[in-house]
């Protein structure tokens, strides 16, 4: 009797185990069959840009926990029909395009699948009604860092191209007001106008209270003429300059906020997941908030700024490396 009961218990246990395994297998098949696909188009690049896109892709994969990620790299001259066939095979619920070539190539296809743009200097002005994250850093984050390092500053001068960045100046004005800063935006549509505006700034700015914000727009702030001139003149006048370009920190600005590529990927994943679930929801390019911070201590010393070690440790990159 005891042996028969034992056999029955073993049989029931095995039967239950089989049921659980079968249930798990069926659930997995169903989940796999219903998982939404998010396609990611990215450019073929060399170092160091390859690392940038690899980090963004890593962040996207981390963020898409409920979706399946499919990636496709595009050369400078992409095979558009091949891309179209690949997209037809994948049937994605959303497409993330990273960089200029993937974004422009996907737009040429004229597909209705929701698009999310990243790693591109895009804005609501240049690409309306599309989700994504541009390269323009949130002015609120820039101004908060300014107040942390130099709380006595009162006025922010900035040269910008209204064709692309008028929307950004609207955000900047709101952020400046919230921190008791006065924004002085000056329009420039080319390098010639930019030179004139910076000449005006250096005549009017007071180093005791004023600062210069450099936007990441090579059309009005190039690395050959405008940037060296601004750095040299600001050094001579002890005028604080900050930027949202990491390269500018090496050239002589006090601080910069620049993309945290893995965190940026996670944010793009959030936008793609949302677009795949509710494709008809209105969307637009947003400012970059997934950032790291760099600080140039040589410039801080030159400006007589007293930056405590606890503040210094809050920056991701500190120059020079002693």
C-alpha atoms as a PDB file:
ATOM      1  CA  UNK A   1       0.000   0.000   0.000  1.00  0.00           C
ATOM      2  CA  UNK A   2       2.812   2.346   0.904  1.00  0.00           C
ATOM      3  CA  UNK A   3       4.632   1.483  -2.318  1.00  0.00           C
ATOM      4  CA  UNK A   4       1.513   2.157  -4.428  1.00  0.00           C
ATOM      5  CA  UNK A   5       1.005   5.567  -2.740  1.00  0.00           C
ATOM      6  CA  UNK A   6       4.650   6.455  -3.315  1.00  0.00           C
ATOM      7  CA  UNK A   7       4.380   5.547  -6.979  1.00  0.00           C
ATOM      8  CA  UNK A   8       1.220   7.639  -7.334  1.00  0.00           C
ATOM      9  CA  UNK A   9       2.869  10.651  -5.648  1.00  0.00           C
ATOM     10  CA  UNK A  10       5.881  10.324  -7.928  1.00  0.00           C
ATOM     11  CA  UNK A  11       3.603  10.031 -10.948  1.00  0.00           C
ATOM     12  CA  UNK A  12       1.595  13.067  -9.856  1.00  0.00           C
ATOM     13  CA  UNK A  13       4.806  15.004  -9.268  1.00  0.00           C
ATOM     14  CA  UNK A  14       6.144  14.106 -12.700  1.00  0.00           C
ATOM     15  CA  UNK A  15       2.799  14.907 -14.267  1.00  0.00           C
ATOM     16  CA  UNK A  16       2.680  18.299 -12.576  1.00  0.00           C
ATOM     17  CA  UNK A  17       6.238  19.009 -13.674  1.00  0.00           C
ATOM     18  CA  UNK A  18       5.344  18.148 -17.273  1.00  0.00           C
ATOM     19  CA  UNK A  19       2.283  20.396 -17.112  1.00  0.00           C
ATOM     20  CA  UNK A  20       4.385  23.292 -15.781  1.00  0.00           C
ATOM     21  CA  UNK A  21       7.028  22.746 -18.459  1.00  0.00           C
ATOM     22  CA  UNK A  22       4.422  22.602 -21.211  1.00  0.00           C
ATOM     23  CA  UNK A  23       2.675  25.690 -19.852  1.00  0.00           C
ATOM     24  CA  UNK A  24       5.979  27.560 -19.727  1.00  0.00           C
ATOM     25  CA  UNK A  25       6.845  26.480 -23.259  1.00  0.00           C
ATOM     26  CA  UNK A  26       3.463  27.517 -24.626  1.00  0.00           C
ATOM     27  CA  UNK A  27       3.658  30.854 -22.798  1.00  0.00           C
ATOM     28  CA  UNK A  28       7.095  31.437 -24.254  1.00  0.00           C
ATOM     29  CA  UNK A  29       5.859  30.718 -27.772  1.00  0.00           C
ATOM     30  CA  UNK A  30       2.884  33.027 -27.311  1.00  0.00           C
ATOM     31  CA  UNK A  31       5.065  35.773 -25.815  1.00  0.00           C
ATOM     32  CA  UNK A  32       7.564  35.412 -28.635  1.00  0.00           C
ATOM     33  CA  UNK A  33       4.785  35.510 -31.217  1.00  0.00           C
ATOM     34  CA  UNK A  34       3.282  38.698 -29.798  1.00  0.00           C
ATOM     35  CA  UNK A  35       6.490  40.592 -28.960  1.00  0.00           C
ATOM     36  CA  UNK A  36       6.752  43.839 -30.883  1.00  0.00           C
ATOM     37  CA  UNK A  37       9.863  44.352 -33.004  1.00  0.00           C
ATOM     38  CA  UNK A  38      11.780  47.630 -32.853  1.00  0.00           C
ATOM     39  CA  UNK A  39      14.200  48.123 -35.738  1.00  0.00           C
ATOM     40  CA  UNK A  40      17.358  50.179 -35.183  1.00  0.00           C
ATOM     41  CA  UNK A  41      19.154  51.713 -38.167  1.00  0.00           C
ATOM     42  CA  UNK A  42      22.661  52.978 -37.453  1.00  0.00           C
ATOM     43  CA  UNK A  43      25.616  54.121 -39.600  1.00  0.00           C
ATOM     44  CA  UNK A  44      28.749  52.155 -40.382  1.00  0.00           C
ATOM     45  CA  UNK A  45      31.513  54.191 -38.749  1.00  0.00           C
ATOM     46  CA  UNK A  46      35.144  54.040 -37.702  1.00  0.00           C
ATOM     47  CA  UNK A  47      36.561  54.704 -34.241  1.00  0.00           C
ATOM     48  CA  UNK A  48      35.889  56.712 -32.137  1.00  0.00           C
ATOM     49  CA  UNK A  49      32.345  57.062 -33.497  1.00  0.00           C
ATOM     50  CA  UNK A  50      31.854  53.292 -33.566  1.00  0.00           C
ATOM     51  CA  UNK A  51      32.061  53.248 -29.752  1.00  0.00           C
ATOM     52  CA  UNK A  52      29.458  56.004 -29.528  1.00  0.00           C
ATOM     53  CA  UNK A  53      26.897  54.083 -31.556  1.00  0.00           C
ATOM     54  CA  UNK A  54      27.752  50.814 -29.801  1.00  0.00           C
ATOM     55  CA  UNK A  55      26.933  52.466 -26.465  1.00  0.00           C
ATOM     56  CA  UNK A  56      23.669  53.897 -27.795  1.00  0.00           C
ATOM     57  CA  UNK A  57      22.706  50.465 -29.140  1.00  0.00           C
ATOM     58  CA  UNK A  58      23.538  48.911 -25.781  1.00  0.00           C
ATOM     59  CA  UNK A  59      21.268  51.410 -24.039  1.00  0.00           C
ATOM     60  CA  UNK A  60      18.461  50.717 -26.508  1.00  0.00           C
ATOM     61  CA  UNK A  61      18.695  46.977 -25.889  1.00  0.00           C
ATOM     62  CA  UNK A  62      18.685  47.565 -22.123  1.00  0.00           C
ATOM     63  CA  UNK A  63      15.586  49.731 -22.413  1.00  0.00           C
ATOM     64  CA  UNK A  64      13.530  47.510 -24.705  1.00  0.00           C
ATOM     65  CA  UNK A  65      12.657  44.821 -22.181  1.00  0.00           C
ATOM     66  CA  UNK A  66       9.239  43.992 -23.644  1.00  0.00           C
ATOM     67  CA  UNK A  67      10.234  44.275 -27.316  1.00  0.00           C
ATOM     68  CA  UNK A  68      12.606  42.492 -29.680  1.00  0.00           C
ATOM     69  CA  UNK A  69      15.467  44.605 -31.059  1.00  0.00           C
ATOM     70  CA  UNK A  70      16.676  44.155 -34.640  1.00  0.00           C
ATOM     71  CA  UNK A  71      19.653  46.228 -35.849  1.00  0.00           C
ATOM     72  CA  UNK A  72      20.787  47.125 -39.367  1.00  0.00           C
ATOM     73  CA  UNK A  73      23.916  49.119 -40.282  1.00  0.00           C
ATOM     74  CA  UNK A  74      23.989  51.469 -43.254  1.00  0.00           C
ATOM     75  CA  UNK A  75      27.058  52.656 -45.210  1.00  0.00           C
ATOM     76  CA  UNK A  76      27.400  56.202 -46.517  1.00  0.00           C
ATOM     77  CA  UNK A  77      25.769  55.096 -49.790  1.00  0.00           C
ATOM     78  CA  UNK A  78      23.112  52.622 -48.589  1.00  0.00           C
ATOM     79  CA  UNK A  79      21.313  49.988 -50.645  1.00  0.00           C
ATOM     80  CA  UNK A  80      17.797  51.375 -50.256  1.00  0.00           C
ATOM     81  CA  UNK A  81      15.928  48.427 -51.836  1.00  0.00           C
ATOM     82  CA  UNK A  82      17.803  46.011 -49.542  1.00  0.00           C
ATOM     83  CA  UNK A  83      16.814  48.088 -46.521  1.00  0.00           C
ATOM     84  CA  UNK A  84      13.194  48.093 -47.682  1.00  0.00           C
ATOM     85  CA  UNK A  85      13.223  44.302 -48.007  1.00  0.00           C
ATOM     86  CA  UNK A  86      14.764  43.930 -44.548  1.00  0.00           C
ATOM     87  CA  UNK A  87      12.144  46.174 -42.981  1.00  0.00           C
ATOM     88  CA  UNK A  88       9.379  44.245 -44.735  1.00  0.00           C
ATOM     89  CA  UNK A  89      10.776  41.015 -43.261  1.00  0.00           C
ATOM     90  CA  UNK A  90      11.035  42.440 -39.746  1.00  0.00           C
ATOM     91  CA  UNK A  91       7.669  44.241 -39.816  1.00  0.00           C
ATOM     92  CA  UNK A  92       8.714  46.537 -36.932  1.00  0.00           C
ATOM     93  CA  UNK A  93       6.263  48.394 -34.729  1.00  0.00           C
ATOM     94  CA  UNK A  94       8.729  51.309 -34.530  1.00  0.00           C
ATOM     95  CA  UNK A  95      12.038  52.291 -36.140  1.00  0.00           C
ATOM     96  CA  UNK A  96      14.897  54.083 -34.361  1.00  0.00           C
ATOM     97  CA  UNK A  97      17.224  55.912 -36.752  1.00  0.00           C
ATOM     98  CA  UNK A  98      20.639  56.995 -35.476  1.00  0.00           C
ATOM     99  CA  UNK A  99      22.576  59.653 -37.361  1.00  0.00           C
ATOM    100  CA  UNK A 100      22.114  61.456 -40.657  1.00  0.00           C
ATOM    101  CA  UNK A 101      22.329  58.645 -43.245  1.00  0.00           C
ATOM    102  CA  UNK A 102      19.928  56.222 -41.504  1.00  0.00           C
ATOM    103  CA  UNK A 103      17.451  59.009 -40.744  1.00  0.00           C
ATOM    104  CA  UNK A 104      17.417  60.467 -44.252  1.00  0.00           C
ATOM    105  CA  UNK A 105      17.339  57.020 -45.873  1.00  0.00           C
ATOM    106  CA  UNK A 106      14.379  55.903 -43.784  1.00  0.00           C
ATOM    107  CA  UNK A 107      12.535  59.142 -44.510  1.00  0.00           C
ATOM    108  CA  UNK A 108      13.019  58.538 -48.253  1.00  0.00           C
ATOM    109  CA  UNK A 109      11.146  55.238 -47.967  1.00  0.00           C
ATOM    110  CA  UNK A 110       7.962  57.055 -46.973  1.00  0.00           C
ATOM    111  CA  UNK A 111       6.834  54.313 -44.599  1.00  0.00           C
ATOM    112  CA  UNK A 112       4.129  54.855 -41.992  1.00  0.00           C
ATOM    113  CA  UNK A 113       5.916  52.969 -39.210  1.00  0.00           C
ATOM    114  CA  UNK A 114       6.588  55.351 -36.272  1.00  0.00           C
ATOM    115  CA  UNK A 115      10.107  56.789 -36.303  1.00  0.00           C
ATOM    116  CA  UNK A 116      12.311  57.804 -33.375  1.00  0.00           C
ATOM    117  CA  UNK A 117      15.381  59.926 -34.169  1.00  0.00           C
ATOM    118  CA  UNK A 118      18.650  59.972 -32.219  1.00  0.00           C
ATOM    119  CA  UNK A 119      22.310  61.017 -32.582  1.00  0.00           C
ATOM    120  CA  UNK A 120      21.307  63.800 -34.964  1.00  0.00           C
ATOM    121  CA  UNK A 121      21.104  67.572 -34.631  1.00  0.00           C
ATOM    122  CA  UNK A 122      17.340  67.519 -35.071  1.00  0.00           C
ATOM    123  CA  UNK A 123      14.710  69.802 -33.585  1.00  0.00           C
ATOM    124  CA  UNK A 124      10.946  70.411 -33.714  1.00  0.00           C
ATOM    125  CA  UNK A 125      11.752  73.105 -36.293  1.00  0.00           C
ATOM    126  CA  UNK A 126      13.690  70.856 -38.667  1.00  0.00           C
ATOM    127  CA  UNK A 127      11.678  67.638 -38.192  1.00  0.00           C
ATOM    128  CA  UNK A 128       8.208  68.362 -36.786  1.00  0.00           C
ATOM    129  CA  UNK A 129       5.842  65.644 -35.564  1.00  0.00           C
ATOM    130  CA  UNK A 130       8.598  63.055 -35.107  1.00  0.00           C
ATOM    131  CA  UNK A 131       9.709  61.550 -31.802  1.00  0.00           C
ATOM    132  CA  UNK A 132      13.341  61.595 -30.776  1.00  0.00           C
ATOM    133  CA  UNK A 133      16.150  63.263 -28.867  1.00  0.00           C
ATOM    134  CA  UNK A 134      18.250  66.009 -30.438  1.00  0.00           C
ATOM    135  CA  UNK A 135      21.825  67.017 -29.659  1.00  0.00           C
ATOM    136  CA  UNK A 136      20.834  70.268 -27.944  1.00  0.00           C
ATOM    137  CA  UNK A 137      21.328  69.904 -24.192  1.00  0.00           C
ATOM    138  CA  UNK A 138      18.467  71.008 -21.952  1.00  0.00           C
ATOM    139  CA  UNK A 139      19.270  74.646 -21.051  1.00  0.00           C
ATOM    140  CA  UNK A 140      17.930  74.045 -17.541  1.00  0.00           C
ATOM    141  CA  UNK A 141      20.753  71.559 -16.910  1.00  0.00           C
ATOM    142  CA  UNK A 142      23.378  73.915 -18.327  1.00  0.00           C
ATOM    143  CA  UNK A 143      22.176  76.857 -16.252  1.00  0.00           C
ATOM    144  CA  UNK A 144      21.961  74.740 -13.094  1.00  0.00           C
ATOM    145  CA  UNK A 145      25.617  73.757 -13.551  1.00  0.00           C
ATOM    146  CA  UNK A 146      26.526  77.402 -14.138  1.00  0.00           C
ATOM    147  CA  UNK A 147      24.854  78.408 -10.867  1.00  0.00           C
ATOM    148  CA  UNK A 148      26.624  75.577  -9.063  1.00  0.00           C
ATOM    149  CA  UNK A 149      30.070  76.733 -10.223  1.00  0.00           C
ATOM    150  CA  UNK A 150      29.541  80.499 -10.368  1.00  0.00           C
ATOM    151  CA  UNK A 151      26.416  81.476  -8.393  1.00  0.00           C
ATOM    152  CA  UNK A 152      27.077  85.197  -8.779  1.00  0.00           C
ATOM    153  CA  UNK A 153      26.598  85.277 -12.540  1.00  0.00           C
ATOM    154  CA  UNK A 154      23.490  87.077 -13.756  1.00  0.00           C
ATOM    155  CA  UNK A 155      23.431  87.289 -17.558  1.00  0.00           C
ATOM    156  CA  UNK A 156      23.878  84.664 -20.285  1.00  0.00           C
ATOM    157  CA  UNK A 157      24.845  85.699 -23.811  1.00  0.00           C
ATOM    158  CA  UNK A 158      24.239  83.255 -26.650  1.00  0.00           C
ATOM    159  CA  UNK A 159      24.542  83.419 -30.436  1.00  0.00           C
ATOM    160  CA  UNK A 160      22.110  81.139 -32.278  1.00  0.00           C
ATOM    161  CA  UNK A 161      20.675  80.462 -35.713  1.00  0.00           C
ATOM    162  CA  UNK A 162      16.915  81.140 -35.623  1.00  0.00           C
ATOM    163  CA  UNK A 163      16.377  78.741 -38.520  1.00  0.00           C
ATOM    164  CA  UNK A 164      17.218  75.811 -36.261  1.00  0.00           C
ATOM    165  CA  UNK A 165      17.293  76.908 -32.634  1.00  0.00           C
ATOM    166  CA  UNK A 166      14.500  79.407 -32.026  1.00  0.00           C
ATOM    167  CA  UNK A 167      12.640  76.641 -30.152  1.00  0.00           C
ATOM    168  CA  UNK A 168      15.710  76.132 -27.938  1.00  0.00           C
ATOM    169  CA  UNK A 169      15.812  79.807 -27.011  1.00  0.00           C
ATOM    170  CA  UNK A 170      12.222  79.558 -25.801  1.00  0.00           C
ATOM    171  CA  UNK A 171      13.216  76.778 -23.421  1.00  0.00           C
ATOM    172  CA  UNK A 172      16.345  78.686 -22.434  1.00  0.00           C
ATOM    173  CA  UNK A 173      14.411  81.822 -21.537  1.00  0.00           C
ATOM    174  CA  UNK A 174      12.099  79.845 -19.249  1.00  0.00           C
ATOM    175  CA  UNK A 175      15.042  78.054 -17.616  1.00  0.00           C
ATOM    176  CA  UNK A 176      16.952  81.306 -17.145  1.00  0.00           C
ATOM    177  CA  UNK A 177      14.007  83.034 -15.483  1.00  0.00           C
ATOM    178  CA  UNK A 178      13.623  80.144 -13.040  1.00  0.00           C
ATOM    179  CA  UNK A 179      17.243  80.645 -11.903  1.00  0.00           C
ATOM    180  CA  UNK A 180      17.182  84.473 -11.829  1.00  0.00           C
ATOM    181  CA  UNK A 181      19.318  84.711 -14.952  1.00  0.00           C
ATOM    182  CA  UNK A 182      18.822  87.120 -17.836  1.00  0.00           C
ATOM    183  CA  UNK A 183      19.127  85.595 -21.298  1.00  0.00           C
ATOM    184  CA  UNK A 184      20.605  87.690 -24.126  1.00  0.00           C
ATOM    185  CA  UNK A 185      20.045  85.718 -27.373  1.00  0.00           C
ATOM    186  CA  UNK A 186      21.584  87.147 -30.555  1.00  0.00           C
ATOM    187  CA  UNK A 187      20.640  85.851 -34.003  1.00  0.00           C
ATOM    188  CA  UNK A 188      23.182  84.800 -36.640  1.00  0.00           C
ATOM    189  CA  UNK A 189      22.523  82.861 -39.834  1.00  0.00           C
ATOM    190  CA  UNK A 190      26.133  82.373 -40.943  1.00  0.00           C
ATOM    191  CA  UNK A 191      29.724  82.787 -39.769  1.00  0.00           C
ATOM    192  CA  UNK A 192      29.906  86.423 -40.881  1.00  0.00           C
ATOM    193  CA  UNK A 193      26.909  87.392 -38.751  1.00  0.00           C
ATOM    194  CA  UNK A 194      28.240  85.240 -35.915  1.00  0.00           C
ATOM    195  CA  UNK A 195      31.542  87.150 -35.887  1.00  0.00           C
ATOM    196  CA  UNK A 196      29.645  90.436 -35.653  1.00  0.00           C
ATOM    197  CA  UNK A 197      27.490  89.214 -32.776  1.00  0.00           C
ATOM    198  CA  UNK A 198      30.439  87.911 -30.758  1.00  0.00           C
ATOM    199  CA  UNK A 199      32.234  91.218 -31.338  1.00  0.00           C
ATOM    200  CA  UNK A 200      29.205  92.939 -29.796  1.00  0.00           C
ATOM    201  CA  UNK A 201      29.209  90.522 -26.848  1.00  0.00           C
ATOM    202  CA  UNK A 202      32.841  91.191 -25.978  1.00  0.00           C
ATOM    203  CA  UNK A 203      32.184  94.925 -26.089  1.00  0.00           C
ATOM    204  CA  UNK A 204      29.071  94.766 -23.897  1.00  0.00           C
ATOM    205  CA  UNK A 205      29.659  91.857 -21.503  1.00  0.00           C
ATOM    206  CA  UNK A 206      30.794  92.425 -17.922  1.00  0.00           C
ATOM    207  CA  UNK A 207      33.089  89.575 -16.772  1.00  0.00           C
ATOM    208  CA  UNK A 208      31.904  90.033 -13.187  1.00  0.00           C
ATOM    209  CA  UNK A 209      28.294  89.157 -13.998  1.00  0.00           C
ATOM    210  CA  UNK A 210      28.109  87.870 -17.582  1.00  0.00           C
ATOM    211  CA  UNK A 211      28.841  84.537 -19.273  1.00  0.00           C
ATOM    212  CA  UNK A 212      28.779  83.131 -22.808  1.00  0.00           C
ATOM    213  CA  UNK A 213      26.916  79.983 -23.802  1.00  0.00           C
ATOM    214  CA  UNK A 214      28.174  78.240 -26.956  1.00  0.00           C
ATOM    215  CA  UNK A 215      25.540  76.176 -28.749  1.00  0.00           C
ATOM    216  CA  UNK A 216      26.633  73.110 -30.729  1.00  0.00           C
ATOM    217  CA  UNK A 217      26.073  74.558 -34.199  1.00  0.00           C
ATOM    218  CA  UNK A 218      29.083  74.455 -36.514  1.00  0.00           C
ATOM    219  CA  UNK A 219      27.244  76.707 -38.945  1.00  0.00           C
ATOM    220  CA  UNK A 220      27.796  79.675 -36.624  1.00  0.00           C
ATOM    221  CA  UNK A 221      30.489  78.367 -34.243  1.00  0.00           C
ATOM    222  CA  UNK A 222      33.141  76.561 -36.260  1.00  0.00           C
ATOM    223  CA  UNK A 223      36.367  75.150 -34.837  1.00  0.00           C
ATOM    224  CA  UNK A 224      38.661  77.045 -37.244  1.00  0.00           C
ATOM    225  CA  UNK A 225      37.661  80.689 -36.775  1.00  0.00           C
ATOM    226  CA  UNK A 226      34.893  81.452 -34.279  1.00  0.00           C
ATOM    227  CA  UNK A 227      35.821  79.036 -31.484  1.00  0.00           C
ATOM    228  CA  UNK A 228      39.546  79.976 -31.266  1.00  0.00           C
ATOM    229  CA  UNK A 229      38.657  83.670 -31.342  1.00  0.00           C
ATOM    230  CA  UNK A 230      36.039  83.311 -28.593  1.00  0.00           C
ATOM    231  CA  UNK A 231      38.382  81.237 -26.414  1.00  0.00           C
ATOM    232  CA  UNK A 232      41.273  83.691 -26.822  1.00  0.00           C
ATOM    233  CA  UNK A 233      39.173  86.785 -26.163  1.00  0.00           C
ATOM    234  CA  UNK A 234      37.369  85.235 -23.189  1.00  0.00           C
ATOM    235  CA  UNK A 235      40.737  84.239 -21.673  1.00  0.00           C
ATOM    236  CA  UNK A 236      42.015  87.800 -22.041  1.00  0.00           C
ATOM    237  CA  UNK A 237      38.892  89.282 -20.453  1.00  0.00           C
ATOM    238  CA  UNK A 238      38.403  86.497 -17.865  1.00  0.00           C
ATOM    239  CA  UNK A 239      34.922  85.883 -19.216  1.00  0.00           C
ATOM    240  CA  UNK A 240      33.279  82.569 -18.326  1.00  0.00           C
ATOM    241  CA  UNK A 241      32.298  80.394 -21.312  1.00  0.00           C
ATOM    242  CA  UNK A 242      30.362  77.113 -21.219  1.00  0.00           C
ATOM    243  CA  UNK A 243      29.134  74.757 -23.892  1.00  0.00           C
ATOM    244  CA  UNK A 244      27.337  71.546 -24.774  1.00  0.00           C
ATOM    245  CA  UNK A 245      30.318  70.142 -26.676  1.00  0.00           C
ATOM    246  CA  UNK A 246      32.942  68.006 -24.964  1.00  0.00           C
ATOM    247  CA  UNK A 247      35.531  69.127 -27.530  1.00  0.00           C
ATOM    248  CA  UNK A 248      35.123  72.717 -26.364  1.00  0.00           C
ATOM    249  CA  UNK A 249      36.311  71.808 -22.850  1.00  0.00           C
ATOM    250  CA  UNK A 250      39.648  70.719 -24.267  1.00  0.00           C
ATOM    251  CA  UNK A 251      39.859  73.998 -26.171  1.00  0.00           C
ATOM    252  CA  UNK A 252      39.280  76.214 -23.129  1.00  0.00           C
ATOM    253  CA  UNK A 253      35.676  76.589 -21.938  1.00  0.00           C
ATOM    254  CA  UNK A 254      34.948  76.150 -18.231  1.00  0.00           C
ATOM    255  CA  UNK A 255      32.475  73.293 -18.511  1.00  0.00           C
ATOM    256  CA  UNK A 256      30.364  71.337 -20.946  1.00  0.00           C
ATOM    257  CA  UNK A 257      27.459  68.930 -20.821  1.00  0.00           C
ATOM    258  CA  UNK A 258      27.639  66.141 -23.389  1.00  0.00           C
ATOM    259  CA  UNK A 259      25.701  62.945 -24.224  1.00  0.00           C
ATOM    260  CA  UNK A 260      25.648  59.953 -21.899  1.00  0.00           C
ATOM    261  CA  UNK A 261      25.273  57.545 -24.797  1.00  0.00           C
ATOM    262  CA  UNK A 262      24.006  54.522 -22.879  1.00  0.00           C
ATOM    263  CA  UNK A 263      21.411  56.605 -21.033  1.00  0.00           C
ATOM    264  CA  UNK A 264      20.496  58.243 -24.350  1.00  0.00           C
ATOM    265  CA  UNK A 265      19.887  54.789 -25.810  1.00  0.00           C
ATOM    266  CA  UNK A 266      17.578  53.935 -22.933  1.00  0.00           C
ATOM    267  CA  UNK A 267      15.597  57.123 -23.516  1.00  0.00           C
ATOM    268  CA  UNK A 268      15.268  56.357 -27.231  1.00  0.00           C
ATOM    269  CA  UNK A 269      14.045  52.893 -26.244  1.00  0.00           C
ATOM    270  CA  UNK A 270      11.348  54.457 -24.047  1.00  0.00           C
ATOM    271  CA  UNK A 271      10.182  56.655 -26.910  1.00  0.00           C
ATOM    272  CA  UNK A 272      10.182  53.731 -29.361  1.00  0.00           C
ATOM    273  CA  UNK A 273       8.244  51.528 -26.956  1.00  0.00           C
ATOM    274  CA  UNK A 274       5.668  54.276 -26.479  1.00  0.00           C
ATOM    275  CA  UNK A 275       5.417  54.861 -30.237  1.00  0.00           C
ATOM    276  CA  UNK A 276       4.923  51.150 -30.893  1.00  0.00           C
ATOM    277  CA  UNK A 277       2.062  50.975 -28.376  1.00  0.00           C
ATOM    278  CA  UNK A 278       0.340  54.252 -29.275  1.00  0.00           C
ATOM    279  CA  UNK A 279       1.519  55.249 -32.770  1.00  0.00           C
ATOM    280  CA  UNK A 280      -1.062  58.029 -33.126  1.00  0.00           C
ATOM    281  CA  UNK A 281       0.111  59.950 -30.049  1.00  0.00           C
ATOM    282  CA  UNK A 282       1.530  63.406 -30.965  1.00  0.00           C
ATOM    283  CA  UNK A 283       5.312  63.514 -30.636  1.00  0.00           C
ATOM    284  CA  UNK A 284       8.266  65.842 -31.141  1.00  0.00           C
ATOM    285  CA  UNK A 285      12.031  66.044 -30.795  1.00  0.00           C
ATOM    286  CA  UNK A 286      13.046  66.705 -27.201  1.00  0.00           C
ATOM    287  CA  UNK A 287      16.163  68.253 -25.691  1.00  0.00           C
ATOM    288  CA  UNK A 288      18.991  66.044 -24.488  1.00  0.00           C
ATOM    289  CA  UNK A 289      18.759  65.314 -20.763  1.00  0.00           C
ATOM    290  CA  UNK A 290      20.845  62.121 -20.695  1.00  0.00           C
ATOM    291  CA  UNK A 291      24.150  63.903 -20.147  1.00  0.00           C
ATOM    292  CA  UNK A 292      27.544  63.756 -18.509  1.00  0.00           C
ATOM    293  CA  UNK A 293      29.501  66.782 -17.286  1.00  0.00           C
ATOM    294  CA  UNK A 294      33.081  67.878 -17.948  1.00  0.00           C
ATOM    295  CA  UNK A 295      35.013  70.557 -16.049  1.00  0.00           C
ATOM    296  CA  UNK A 296      38.255  72.375 -16.908  1.00  0.00           C
ATOM    297  CA  UNK A 297      40.055  73.242 -13.664  1.00  0.00           C
ATOM    298  CA  UNK A 298      42.708  75.278 -15.469  1.00  0.00           C
ATOM    299  CA  UNK A 299      40.006  77.652 -16.656  1.00  0.00           C
ATOM    300  CA  UNK A 300      38.388  77.653 -13.206  1.00  0.00           C
ATOM    301  CA  UNK A 301      41.683  78.743 -11.667  1.00  0.00           C
ATOM    302  CA  UNK A 302      42.126  81.435 -14.307  1.00  0.00           C
ATOM    303  CA  UNK A 303      38.641  82.762 -13.481  1.00  0.00           C
ATOM    304  CA  UNK A 304      39.389  82.703  -9.731  1.00  0.00           C
ATOM    305  CA  UNK A 305      36.541  80.271  -9.079  1.00  0.00           C
ATOM    306  CA  UNK A 306      36.684  78.396  -5.797  1.00  0.00           C
ATOM    307  CA  UNK A 307      35.433  74.928  -6.686  1.00  0.00           C
ATOM    308  CA  UNK A 308      35.320  72.565  -3.737  1.00  0.00           C
ATOM    309  CA  UNK A 309      36.357  68.948  -4.106  1.00  0.00           C
ATOM    310  CA  UNK A 310      32.845  67.699  -3.361  1.00  0.00           C
ATOM    311  CA  UNK A 311      31.578  69.672  -6.369  1.00  0.00           C
ATOM    312  CA  UNK A 312      34.494  68.549  -8.519  1.00  0.00           C
ATOM    313  CA  UNK A 313      33.664  64.912  -7.770  1.00  0.00           C
ATOM    314  CA  UNK A 314      30.173  65.408  -9.227  1.00  0.00           C
ATOM    315  CA  UNK A 315      31.653  65.810 -12.716  1.00  0.00           C
ATOM    316  CA  UNK A 316      32.248  62.809 -14.954  1.00  0.00           C
ATOM    317  CA  UNK A 317      35.414  64.257 -16.512  1.00  0.00           C
ATOM    318  CA  UNK A 318      37.799  66.731 -14.920  1.00  0.00           C
ATOM    319  CA  UNK A 319      40.625  68.379 -16.876  1.00  0.00           C
ATOM    320  CA  UNK A 320      43.517  68.588 -16.738  1.00  0.00           C
ATOM    321  CA  UNK A 321      44.277  65.122 -15.405  1.00  0.00           C
ATOM    322  CA  UNK A 322      46.973  65.919 -12.865  1.00  0.00           C
END
